[in-house]
Protein backbone atom coordinates (compact mmCIF):
# COMPACT_ATOMS: atom_id res chain seq x y z
CA MET A 1 -2.35 14.71 -12.83
CA SER A 2 -4.86 11.78 -11.17
CA GLN A 3 -6.08 9.28 -12.00
CA TRP A 4 -9.44 7.82 -10.03
CA VAL A 5 -8.70 4.19 -9.09
CA TYR A 6 -11.54 1.56 -7.66
CA HIS A 7 -11.66 -1.11 -4.64
CA ASN A 8 -14.52 -2.42 -3.17
CA ARG A 9 -17.01 -1.09 -5.61
CA ARG A 10 -15.60 2.79 -3.68
CA SER A 11 -14.00 4.95 -5.58
CA VAL A 12 -10.91 6.58 -5.22
CA SER A 13 -8.51 9.46 -6.61
CA VAL A 14 -4.59 9.41 -6.76
CA ARG A 15 -3.74 13.03 -7.20
CA VAL A 16 -0.12 14.68 -6.53
CA ASP A 17 -0.24 18.16 -5.74
CA ILE A 18 2.93 18.92 -7.27
CA ASP A 19 2.96 22.00 -6.35
CA THR A 20 4.42 20.65 -2.95
CA CYS A 21 6.01 17.44 -3.63
CA THR A 22 10.18 17.65 -3.11
CA ALA A 23 10.46 15.07 -5.60
CA CYS A 24 11.55 12.73 -2.62
CA GLU A 25 11.28 9.18 -5.30
CA LEU A 26 9.44 7.85 -2.31
CA CYS A 27 6.51 6.74 -4.39
CA TYR A 28 8.01 5.39 -8.40
CA ASP A 29 10.10 3.75 -5.81
CA ARG A 30 7.79 2.09 -3.71
CA LEU A 31 5.25 1.62 -6.09
CA PRO A 32 6.94 1.66 -9.79
CA GLU A 33 3.31 0.17 -10.79
CA VAL A 34 1.51 3.46 -9.78
CA PHE A 35 3.53 6.19 -9.86
CA VAL A 36 6.24 7.09 -12.30
CA ASP A 37 8.64 10.16 -13.03
CA LYS A 38 7.66 11.93 -15.82
CA GLY A 39 11.17 13.28 -15.91
CA ASP A 40 11.73 16.34 -13.54
CA GLY A 41 11.47 14.05 -10.78
CA ILE A 42 8.14 14.78 -10.08
CA PRO A 43 5.83 11.61 -10.42
CA LEU A 44 2.86 10.68 -12.43
CA VAL A 45 0.34 8.82 -10.99
CA ILE A 46 -0.70 5.45 -13.90
CA ILE A 47 -1.77 2.33 -12.38
CA ARG A 48 -1.17 -1.19 -14.45
CA VAL A 49 -1.83 -2.92 -11.99
CA PRO A 50 -5.91 -4.19 -10.40
CA ILE A 51 -6.19 -1.80 -8.18
CA GLU A 52 -7.14 -4.48 -5.62
CA ASN A 53 -2.55 -5.01 -5.75
CA VAL A 54 -2.02 -2.00 -4.14
CA TYR A 55 -4.48 -0.30 -2.40
CA GLU A 56 -3.59 -0.92 0.85
CA ASP A 57 0.97 0.06 -0.50
CA ILE A 58 -1.87 3.08 -2.04
CA LEU A 59 -2.59 4.38 1.01
CA GLN A 60 0.63 3.15 2.67
CA VAL A 61 2.92 5.71 0.97
CA ALA A 62 0.14 8.76 0.41
CA GLU A 63 0.92 8.16 4.32
CA ASP A 64 4.99 8.44 4.15
CA CYS A 65 5.02 10.88 1.46
CA PRO A 66 7.07 12.76 3.56
CA SER A 67 5.38 16.63 2.01
CA GLY A 68 2.15 15.05 2.00
CA SER A 69 1.88 15.45 -1.46
CA ILE A 70 -0.13 12.22 -2.85
CA ILE A 71 -3.63 13.15 -2.22
CA LEU A 72 -6.19 9.89 -2.10
CA TYR A 73 -9.79 11.20 -1.99
């Protein structure tokens, strides 16, 4: 599941690779306004706030993801 988000007139897609995700909970623990647990530990991308407020945090969570499963493109 991915969602397109916009920041400074650029579009960015936030996606979670469910094949490599280890369900460590880092993303939705840190950014519950962006990621939610779909019930099996695997996160869904749901942006609930203006992207400008969390853009840098999304970049950091993607970098910190231990399995590299948060993909931005």
